Amino acid sequence: MIDFVGAIFAILVAVGGIMGYVRARSRMSLYSGILFGVALGVGAWLNSMSDPLPIVQLAVLAVLIMVMLYRYWSTRAFMPAGMIILLSFGVVVWTCVVYRDYLSMGWMRGVTNHDRNLTVIIVDENSKLE
């Protein structure tokens, strides 16, 4: 399954960085847009494999959200930082919903739901084990 949402968002972030450079001559927008776009593209590619690895995309999205939150608080301008924050949260939710089976810890990956059930035996102090 191809991660279309992740790939489209990666392209949007890269194009947004290029547009920031073209309109405002901001090299920082260009560099960060390309960097985050490529990193999100790698995350989308890893999600498209037979055994998806969504943690990479989620980590990149977390860093992108933190950077844009800082930018939003310093400028108080909704565009582009606020829009990227909202879209990033949407992609985080979508990734968590679609790839929820692949987000478990490494040691739990091969364990089925049947194997996760535990039986608890309660023994009081008066009972004897034979």
N, C-alpha and C. Protein backbone atom coordinates (compact mmCIF):
# COMPACT_ATOMS: atom_id res chain seq x y z
N MET A 1 0.84 -1.17 0.00
CA MET A 1 0.00 0.00 0.00
C MET A 1 0.90 1.25 0.00
N ILE A 2 0.63 2.15 -0.89
CA ILE A 2 1.42 3.37 -0.99
C ILE A 2 0.83 4.42 -0.06
N ASP A 3 1.70 5.09 0.68
CA ASP A 3 1.28 6.14 1.61
C ASP A 3 1.09 7.44 0.84
N PHE A 4 -0.08 7.57 0.21
CA PHE A 4 -0.36 8.76 -0.61
C PHE A 4 -0.44 10.02 0.24
N VAL A 5 -1.04 9.94 1.40
CA VAL A 5 -1.19 11.12 2.25
C VAL A 5 0.18 11.64 2.67
N GLY A 6 1.06 10.74 3.10
CA GLY A 6 2.41 11.15 3.49
C GLY A 6 3.20 11.71 2.32
N ALA A 7 3.07 11.09 1.14
CA ALA A 7 3.81 11.57 -0.03
C ALA A 7 3.29 12.94 -0.48
N ILE A 8 1.98 13.12 -0.49
CA ILE A 8 1.42 14.41 -0.89
C ILE A 8 1.82 15.50 0.10
N PHE A 9 1.80 15.19 1.40
CA PHE A 9 2.20 16.18 2.39
C PHE A 9 3.68 16.52 2.26
N ALA A 10 4.52 15.53 1.95
CA ALA A 10 5.95 15.79 1.75
C ALA A 10 6.15 16.74 0.57
N ILE A 11 5.41 16.52 -0.50
CA ILE A 11 5.52 17.40 -1.67
C ILE A 11 5.03 18.81 -1.33
N LEU A 12 3.93 18.91 -0.58
CA LEU A 12 3.40 20.22 -0.18
C LEU A 12 4.41 20.99 0.67
N VAL A 13 5.07 20.30 1.58
CA VAL A 13 6.05 20.97 2.45
C VAL A 13 7.24 21.46 1.61
N ALA A 14 7.72 20.62 0.70
CA ALA A 14 8.85 21.02 -0.15
C ALA A 14 8.47 22.19 -1.06
N VAL A 15 7.29 22.12 -1.66
CA VAL A 15 6.84 23.20 -2.53
C VAL A 15 6.62 24.48 -1.72
N GLY A 16 6.12 24.35 -0.50
CA GLY A 16 5.95 25.52 0.36
C GLY A 16 7.27 26.18 0.68
N GLY A 17 8.29 25.39 0.91
CA GLY A 17 9.62 25.96 1.15
C GLY A 17 10.16 26.69 -0.07
N ILE A 18 9.93 26.12 -1.25
CA ILE A 18 10.36 26.77 -2.49
C ILE A 18 9.58 28.07 -2.71
N MET A 19 8.27 28.05 -2.42
CA MET A 19 7.47 29.26 -2.57
C MET A 19 7.91 30.34 -1.58
N GLY A 20 8.29 29.94 -0.38
CA GLY A 20 8.79 30.91 0.59
C GLY A 20 10.06 31.58 0.12
N TYR A 21 10.89 30.81 -0.58
CA TYR A 21 12.12 31.40 -1.12
C TYR A 21 11.81 32.34 -2.28
N VAL A 22 10.90 31.92 -3.17
CA VAL A 22 10.58 32.74 -4.33
C VAL A 22 9.92 34.05 -3.92
N ARG A 23 8.99 33.99 -2.98
CA ARG A 23 8.24 35.19 -2.61
C ARG A 23 9.02 36.12 -1.68
N ALA A 24 9.69 35.56 -0.69
CA ALA A 24 10.34 36.40 0.33
C ALA A 24 11.86 36.32 0.30
N ARG A 25 12.42 35.56 -0.63
CA ARG A 25 13.87 35.36 -0.71
C ARG A 25 14.42 34.81 0.61
N SER A 26 13.65 33.96 1.25
CA SER A 26 14.06 33.37 2.52
C SER A 26 14.77 32.04 2.27
N ARG A 27 16.06 32.04 2.47
CA ARG A 27 16.82 30.80 2.29
C ARG A 27 16.45 29.77 3.36
N MET A 28 16.11 30.26 4.56
CA MET A 28 15.72 29.34 5.63
C MET A 28 14.46 28.58 5.24
N SER A 29 13.50 29.24 4.61
CA SER A 29 12.29 28.56 4.14
C SER A 29 12.64 27.50 3.10
N LEU A 30 13.53 27.85 2.19
CA LEU A 30 13.95 26.90 1.16
C LEU A 30 14.62 25.68 1.78
N TYR A 31 15.61 25.91 2.65
CA TYR A 31 16.35 24.80 3.24
C TYR A 31 15.46 23.93 4.12
N SER A 32 14.67 24.56 4.98
CA SER A 32 13.83 23.77 5.88
C SER A 32 12.71 23.06 5.11
N GLY A 33 12.15 23.72 4.09
CA GLY A 33 11.11 23.08 3.29
C GLY A 33 11.63 21.85 2.56
N ILE A 34 12.80 21.99 1.95
CA ILE A 34 13.40 20.85 1.24
C ILE A 34 13.78 19.75 2.23
N LEU A 35 14.41 20.14 3.35
CA LEU A 35 14.84 19.15 4.35
C LEU A 35 13.64 18.37 4.90
N PHE A 36 12.61 19.09 5.36
CA PHE A 36 11.45 18.40 5.91
C PHE A 36 10.68 17.66 4.83
N GLY A 37 10.63 18.19 3.62
CA GLY A 37 9.95 17.51 2.53
C GLY A 37 10.61 16.17 2.20
N VAL A 38 11.94 16.18 2.13
CA VAL A 38 12.67 14.93 1.85
C VAL A 38 12.50 13.95 3.01
N ALA A 39 12.61 14.44 4.24
CA ALA A 39 12.46 13.55 5.41
C ALA A 39 11.06 12.95 5.47
N LEU A 40 10.04 13.76 5.17
CA LEU A 40 8.68 13.23 5.15
C LEU A 40 8.48 12.26 3.98
N GLY A 41 9.17 12.53 2.87
CA GLY A 41 9.12 11.60 1.74
C GLY A 41 9.74 10.26 2.09
N VAL A 42 10.84 10.29 2.82
CA VAL A 42 11.46 9.03 3.28
C VAL A 42 10.51 8.30 4.22
N GLY A 43 9.85 9.05 5.12
CA GLY A 43 8.87 8.42 6.01
C GLY A 43 7.72 7.80 5.25
N ALA A 44 7.23 8.50 4.22
CA ALA A 44 6.15 7.94 3.39
C ALA A 44 6.62 6.70 2.64
N TRP A 45 7.87 6.73 2.18
CA TRP A 45 8.41 5.56 1.48
C TRP A 45 8.53 4.36 2.43
N LEU A 46 8.99 4.62 3.67
CA LEU A 46 9.09 3.54 4.65
C LEU A 46 7.70 3.00 5.01
N ASN A 47 6.68 3.85 5.00
CA ASN A 47 5.32 3.38 5.27
C ASN A 47 4.76 2.59 4.11
N SER A 48 5.32 2.76 2.91
CA SER A 48 4.82 2.06 1.73
C SER A 48 5.42 0.67 1.58
N MET A 49 6.35 0.31 2.42
CA MET A 49 6.99 -1.01 2.33
C MET A 49 6.04 -2.08 2.85
N SER A 50 6.41 -3.34 2.65
CA SER A 50 5.54 -4.44 3.09
C SER A 50 5.42 -4.49 4.61
N ASP A 51 6.46 -4.09 5.33
CA ASP A 51 6.40 -3.98 6.78
C ASP A 51 6.62 -2.50 7.14
N PRO A 52 5.53 -1.70 7.21
CA PRO A 52 5.67 -0.25 7.40
C PRO A 52 6.39 0.12 8.69
N LEU A 53 7.05 1.26 8.65
CA LEU A 53 7.76 1.80 9.80
C LEU A 53 7.30 3.24 10.03
N PRO A 54 6.10 3.43 10.60
CA PRO A 54 5.53 4.78 10.72
C PRO A 54 6.20 5.67 11.75
N ILE A 55 7.04 5.12 12.60
CA ILE A 55 7.66 5.91 13.66
C ILE A 55 8.58 6.98 13.07
N VAL A 56 9.18 6.73 11.91
CA VAL A 56 10.05 7.71 11.27
C VAL A 56 9.24 8.93 10.85
N GLN A 57 8.12 8.70 10.19
CA GLN A 57 7.27 9.80 9.75
C GLN A 57 6.71 10.56 10.96
N LEU A 58 6.33 9.85 12.00
CA LEU A 58 5.81 10.51 13.19
C LEU A 58 6.87 11.36 13.88
N ALA A 59 8.11 10.89 13.89
CA ALA A 59 9.20 11.66 14.50
C ALA A 59 9.46 12.95 13.71
N VAL A 60 9.48 12.83 12.39
CA VAL A 60 9.69 14.02 11.55
C VAL A 60 8.54 15.01 11.73
N LEU A 61 7.32 14.49 11.78
CA LEU A 61 6.16 15.35 11.98
C LEU A 61 6.22 16.05 13.35
N ALA A 62 6.68 15.35 14.36
CA ALA A 62 6.80 15.95 15.70
C ALA A 62 7.79 17.11 15.68
N VAL A 63 8.92 16.92 15.02
CA VAL A 63 9.92 18.00 14.94
C VAL A 63 9.36 19.16 14.12
N LEU A 64 8.68 18.85 13.02
CA LEU A 64 8.08 19.91 12.20
C LEU A 64 7.04 20.71 12.98
N ILE A 65 6.23 20.03 13.77
CA ILE A 65 5.23 20.72 14.59
C ILE A 65 5.91 21.62 15.61
N MET A 66 6.97 21.14 16.25
CA MET A 66 7.67 21.96 17.24
C MET A 66 8.30 23.20 16.60
N VAL A 67 8.92 23.04 15.43
CA VAL A 67 9.53 24.18 14.74
C VAL A 67 8.46 25.19 14.35
N MET A 68 7.35 24.71 13.82
CA MET A 68 6.29 25.62 13.39
C MET A 68 5.56 26.26 14.58
N LEU A 69 5.46 25.55 15.69
CA LEU A 69 4.89 26.17 16.89
C LEU A 69 5.76 27.33 17.37
N TYR A 70 7.06 27.13 17.35
CA TYR A 70 7.97 28.21 17.73
C TYR A 70 7.81 29.39 16.78
N ARG A 71 7.73 29.10 15.49
CA ARG A 71 7.58 30.17 14.51
C ARG A 71 6.23 30.87 14.67
N TYR A 72 5.19 30.10 14.94
CA TYR A 72 3.86 30.71 15.13
C TYR A 72 3.85 31.62 16.35
N TRP A 73 4.43 31.16 17.47
CA TRP A 73 4.44 31.98 18.68
C TRP A 73 5.28 33.23 18.52
N SER A 74 6.33 33.17 17.71
CA SER A 74 7.17 34.36 17.55
C SER A 74 6.58 35.36 16.56
N THR A 75 5.82 34.90 15.55
CA THR A 75 5.27 35.82 14.54
C THR A 75 3.78 36.09 14.72
N ARG A 76 3.06 35.17 15.36
CA ARG A 76 1.61 35.26 15.51
C ARG A 76 0.88 35.31 14.17
N ALA A 77 1.51 34.83 13.12
CA ALA A 77 0.90 34.80 11.79
C ALA A 77 0.44 33.37 11.49
N PHE A 78 -0.80 33.24 11.06
CA PHE A 78 -1.34 31.90 10.79
C PHE A 78 -0.67 31.26 9.57
N MET A 79 -0.40 32.05 8.56
CA MET A 79 0.24 31.51 7.36
C MET A 79 1.72 31.80 7.42
N PRO A 80 2.54 30.85 7.15
CA PRO A 80 2.31 29.45 6.86
C PRO A 80 2.37 28.54 8.08
N ALA A 81 2.89 29.06 9.21
CA ALA A 81 3.15 28.19 10.36
C ALA A 81 1.89 27.53 10.91
N GLY A 82 0.83 28.28 11.09
CA GLY A 82 -0.41 27.71 11.63
C GLY A 82 -1.01 26.66 10.73
N MET A 83 -0.96 26.92 9.43
CA MET A 83 -1.49 25.95 8.47
C MET A 83 -0.68 24.66 8.49
N ILE A 84 0.64 24.77 8.56
CA ILE A 84 1.49 23.57 8.61
C ILE A 84 1.24 22.80 9.90
N ILE A 85 1.00 23.51 11.00
CA ILE A 85 0.70 22.83 12.27
C ILE A 85 -0.58 22.02 12.15
N LEU A 86 -1.62 22.63 11.61
CA LEU A 86 -2.91 21.92 11.46
C LEU A 86 -2.78 20.73 10.52
N LEU A 87 -2.14 20.93 9.38
CA LEU A 87 -1.97 19.82 8.44
C LEU A 87 -1.10 18.71 9.03
N SER A 88 -0.06 19.09 9.78
CA SER A 88 0.81 18.08 10.40
C SER A 88 0.04 17.25 11.43
N PHE A 89 -0.79 17.92 12.24
CA PHE A 89 -1.61 17.17 13.19
C PHE A 89 -2.55 16.21 12.47
N GLY A 90 -3.11 16.66 11.36
CA GLY A 90 -3.97 15.79 10.57
C GLY A 90 -3.24 14.56 10.05
N VAL A 91 -2.01 14.76 9.58
CA VAL A 91 -1.22 13.64 9.08
C VAL A 91 -0.81 12.72 10.23
N VAL A 92 -0.54 13.29 11.41
CA VAL A 92 -0.21 12.46 12.58
C VAL A 92 -1.39 11.57 12.94
N VAL A 93 -2.58 12.14 12.99
CA VAL A 93 -3.77 11.35 13.32
C VAL A 93 -4.00 10.28 12.26
N TRP A 94 -3.89 10.66 11.00
CA TRP A 94 -4.11 9.69 9.91
C TRP A 94 -3.08 8.56 9.99
N THR A 95 -1.82 8.90 10.24
CA THR A 95 -0.78 7.88 10.33
C THR A 95 -1.03 6.94 11.51
N CYS A 96 -1.43 7.50 12.65
CA CYS A 96 -1.70 6.66 13.83
C CYS A 96 -2.89 5.74 13.61
N VAL A 97 -3.88 6.20 12.88
CA VAL A 97 -5.06 5.37 12.63
C VAL A 97 -4.75 4.28 11.61
N VAL A 98 -4.12 4.65 10.51
CA VAL A 98 -3.87 3.69 9.44
C VAL A 98 -2.80 2.66 9.82
N TYR A 99 -1.76 3.10 10.51
CA TYR A 99 -0.64 2.22 10.83
C TYR A 99 -0.59 1.84 12.31
N ARG A 100 -1.75 1.78 12.95
CA ARG A 100 -1.79 1.49 14.39
C ARG A 100 -1.22 0.12 14.74
N ASP A 101 -1.34 -0.84 13.83
CA ASP A 101 -0.81 -2.18 14.11
C ASP A 101 0.71 -2.21 14.08
N TYR A 102 1.33 -1.22 13.46
CA TYR A 102 2.79 -1.19 13.34
C TYR A 102 3.44 -0.23 14.32
N LEU A 103 2.65 0.34 15.22
CA LEU A 103 3.18 1.29 16.19
C LEU A 103 3.52 0.66 17.52
N SER A 104 3.31 -0.65 17.67
CA SER A 104 3.61 -1.29 18.94
C SER A 104 5.12 -1.38 19.12
N MET A 105 5.52 -1.62 20.34
CA MET A 105 6.93 -1.71 20.67
C MET A 105 7.56 -2.89 19.93
N GLY A 106 8.85 -2.84 19.73
CA GLY A 106 9.56 -3.85 18.96
C GLY A 106 9.36 -5.26 19.47
N TRP A 107 9.38 -5.46 20.79
CA TRP A 107 9.24 -6.81 21.33
C TRP A 107 7.81 -7.31 21.23
N MET A 108 6.84 -6.41 20.98
CA MET A 108 5.44 -6.82 20.86
C MET A 108 5.03 -7.02 19.40
N ARG A 109 5.93 -6.74 18.45
CA ARG A 109 5.55 -6.79 17.05
C ARG A 109 5.06 -8.15 16.59
N GLY A 110 5.72 -9.21 16.98
CA GLY A 110 5.35 -10.53 16.51
C GLY A 110 4.30 -11.22 17.36
N VAL A 111 3.84 -10.57 18.40
CA VAL A 111 2.88 -11.17 19.32
C VAL A 111 1.47 -10.90 18.84
N THR A 112 0.68 -11.95 18.74
CA THR A 112 -0.71 -11.78 18.31
C THR A 112 -1.57 -11.39 19.51
N ASN A 113 -2.80 -10.96 19.24
CA ASN A 113 -3.70 -10.57 20.33
C ASN A 113 -3.98 -11.74 21.27
N HIS A 114 -4.03 -12.95 20.72
CA HIS A 114 -4.27 -14.13 21.54
C HIS A 114 -3.13 -14.33 22.54
N ASP A 115 -1.90 -14.09 22.11
CA ASP A 115 -0.75 -14.28 22.99
C ASP A 115 -0.64 -13.19 24.05
N ARG A 116 -1.29 -12.06 23.87
CA ARG A 116 -1.20 -10.97 24.82
C ARG A 116 -2.10 -11.17 26.03
N ASN A 117 -3.07 -12.07 25.94
CA ASN A 117 -3.95 -12.33 27.06
C ASN A 117 -3.18 -13.04 28.16
N LEU A 118 -3.33 -12.56 29.36
CA LEU A 118 -2.64 -13.15 30.50
C LEU A 118 -3.66 -13.77 31.44
N THR A 119 -3.27 -14.86 32.06
CA THR A 119 -4.13 -15.49 33.06
C THR A 119 -3.55 -15.17 34.43
N VAL A 120 -4.39 -14.67 35.29
CA VAL A 120 -3.96 -14.31 36.63
C VAL A 120 -4.55 -15.32 37.60
N ILE A 121 -3.68 -15.91 38.43
CA ILE A 121 -4.12 -16.87 39.43
C ILE A 121 -3.95 -16.21 40.79
N ILE A 122 -5.04 -16.15 41.53
CA ILE A 122 -5.00 -15.54 42.85
C ILE A 122 -4.91 -16.65 43.88
N VAL A 123 -3.89 -16.54 44.70
CA VAL A 123 -3.68 -17.54 45.75
C VAL A 123 -3.69 -16.80 47.08
N ASP A 124 -4.58 -17.25 47.98
CA ASP A 124 -4.58 -16.60 49.28
C ASP A 124 -3.65 -17.35 50.22
N GLU A 125 -3.44 -16.81 51.39
CA GLU A 125 -2.45 -17.39 52.33
C GLU A 125 -2.90 -18.71 52.92
N ASN A 126 -4.18 -19.05 52.87
CA ASN A 126 -4.68 -20.29 53.47
C ASN A 126 -4.69 -21.45 52.48
N SER A 127 -4.53 -21.18 51.21
CA SER A 127 -4.58 -22.27 50.26
C SER A 127 -3.23 -22.97 50.19
N LYS A 128 -3.27 -24.25 49.85
CA LYS A 128 -2.03 -25.04 49.77
C LYS A 128 -1.86 -25.49 48.34
N LEU A 129 -0.66 -25.40 47.87
CA LEU A 129 -0.35 -25.87 46.52
C LEU A 129 0.21 -27.27 46.63
N GLU A 130 -0.29 -28.19 45.84
CA GLU A 130 0.21 -29.57 45.89
C GLU A 130 0.87 -29.93 44.61
